[in-house]
Amino acid sequence: MPRKKKTANPQTANTAVTNPGAIFNNITIPQPSGEDKKGPKIENCEVGPFRLKGVKVDFNQYTEEQIKEMIAWARENSAYVVEDRGLFSWRKESLRDWFVLRWG
C-alpha cells in the first residue's frame, strides 16, 4: 500500500516562504542599557613620528590616584608617556594590550 503524502497547510506554508521572519515575530532581543556604554574610554592609536602602537586615555574618567598609578606602570614597562594628552605608546603591541586589559 502506498504511503500518503502529508500536505502542509497552505496558509502557513505561504507565510513561511514570503516572510521567513514571521516565525520569530514574538521574540524580542533586549537592547543594551546606557550603563553598558559607560566605563573608561581607551582608544587605540599611533603615537609619535614612528607611529608606535599606543593608546589614548580619557583622564576625566579616572581618579588622580589611578592616573598616577597608570603612568607609573607605563613607565616601568618602557612606555613613552605624554601626560598632558593622555597618550601612551610602546614598542611592543603586547604591552599595549596588557595596559588595556589592566586599565580598560
Protein backbone atom coordinates (compact mmCIF):
# COMPACT_ATOMS: atom_id res chain seq x y z
CA MET A 1 0.00 0.00 0.00
CA PRO A 2 1.49 3.40 -0.96
CA ARG A 3 2.04 5.98 1.77
CA LYS A 4 0.01 9.14 1.83
CA LYS A 5 1.92 12.35 1.37
CA LYS A 6 1.49 14.90 4.11
CA THR A 7 0.22 18.18 2.81
CA ALA A 8 1.06 21.40 4.56
CA ASN A 9 -1.47 23.99 5.48
CA PRO A 10 -1.34 26.41 2.53
CA GLN A 11 -1.73 29.45 4.79
CA THR A 12 1.30 28.71 6.98
CA ALA A 13 3.40 27.43 4.10
CA ASN A 14 2.94 30.66 2.15
CA THR A 15 3.66 32.81 5.20
CA ALA A 16 6.93 30.99 5.89
CA VAL A 17 8.04 31.38 2.30
CA THR A 18 7.06 35.02 1.78
CA ASN A 19 8.08 36.20 5.26
CA PRO A 20 10.71 33.91 6.83
CA GLY A 21 10.98 36.23 9.84
CA ALA A 22 7.30 35.71 10.70
CA ILE A 23 8.25 32.69 12.78
CA PHE A 24 10.31 34.89 15.11
CA ASN A 25 7.88 37.79 15.48
CA ASN A 26 7.23 37.04 19.15
CA ILE A 27 10.91 37.03 20.12
CA THR A 28 12.33 40.29 21.44
CA ILE A 29 16.02 40.98 21.96
CA PRO A 30 16.76 43.31 24.87
CA GLN A 31 18.65 46.46 23.89
CA PRO A 32 21.75 47.32 25.92
CA SER A 33 21.08 49.95 28.54
CA GLY A 34 23.06 53.16 28.78
CA GLU A 35 25.10 51.72 31.64
CA ASP A 36 26.81 49.27 29.26
CA LYS A 37 28.23 52.19 27.28
CA LYS A 38 29.76 53.80 30.35
CA GLY A 39 33.22 52.97 31.50
CA PRO A 40 36.79 54.01 30.89
CA LYS A 41 37.44 55.39 27.46
CA ILE A 42 40.64 54.00 25.97
CA GLU A 43 41.26 54.25 22.23
CA ASN A 44 43.97 52.56 20.18
CA CYS A 45 46.13 54.98 18.21
CA GLU A 46 49.57 55.51 16.70
CA VAL A 47 51.90 57.84 18.59
CA GLY A 48 54.94 59.81 17.51
CA PRO A 49 56.89 60.07 14.27
CA PHE A 50 57.50 56.31 14.19
CA ARG A 51 53.78 55.59 14.66
CA LEU A 52 54.26 53.24 17.57
CA LYS A 53 51.22 51.31 18.77
CA GLY A 54 49.67 53.18 21.63
CA VAL A 55 46.52 54.21 23.45
CA LYS A 56 44.80 57.48 24.19
CA VAL A 57 43.20 57.63 27.64
CA ASP A 58 40.44 59.99 28.73
CA PHE A 59 41.76 61.09 32.13
CA ASN A 60 38.41 62.62 33.12
CA GLN A 61 37.09 59.14 33.86
CA TYR A 62 39.82 58.23 36.37
CA THR A 63 40.77 59.49 39.80
CA GLU A 64 44.08 61.29 40.35
CA GLU A 65 45.42 58.28 42.21
CA GLN A 66 44.55 55.93 39.34
CA ILE A 67 46.22 58.25 36.83
CA LYS A 68 49.45 58.36 38.83
CA GLU A 69 49.42 54.56 39.14
CA MET A 70 48.72 54.24 35.41
CA ILE A 71 51.66 56.49 34.49
CA ALA A 72 53.99 54.70 36.91
CA TRP A 73 53.03 51.28 35.49
CA ALA A 74 53.54 52.51 31.94
CA ARG A 75 57.00 53.94 32.68
CA GLU A 76 58.05 50.73 34.43
CA ASN A 77 57.16 48.90 31.23
CA SER A 78 59.19 51.15 28.90
CA ALA A 79 56.35 53.32 27.66
CA TYR A 80 56.55 56.71 26.04
CA VAL A 81 54.11 58.86 28.02
CA VAL A 82 52.63 62.25 27.11
CA GLU A 83 50.86 63.17 30.34
CA ASP A 84 49.14 66.30 29.01
CA ARG A 85 47.29 64.45 26.29
CA GLY A 86 46.88 61.03 27.90
CA LEU A 87 48.99 59.26 25.27
CA PHE A 88 50.91 56.09 25.98
CA SER A 89 52.94 54.09 23.45
CA TRP A 90 55.12 51.00 23.49
CA ARG A 91 57.46 49.30 21.06
CA LYS A 92 55.63 46.03 21.60
CA GLU A 93 51.95 45.71 20.88
CA SER A 94 51.63 43.11 23.66
CA LEU A 95 52.46 45.71 26.34
CA ARG A 96 49.72 47.96 24.98
CA ASP A 97 47.30 45.05 25.24
CA TRP A 98 48.33 44.45 28.88
CA PHE A 99 47.72 48.13 29.61
CA VAL A 100 44.23 47.97 28.08
CA LEU A 101 43.42 44.79 29.99
CA ARG A 102 44.54 46.30 33.27
CA TRP A 103 43.01 49.77 32.93
CA GLY A 104 40.21 49.26 30.41
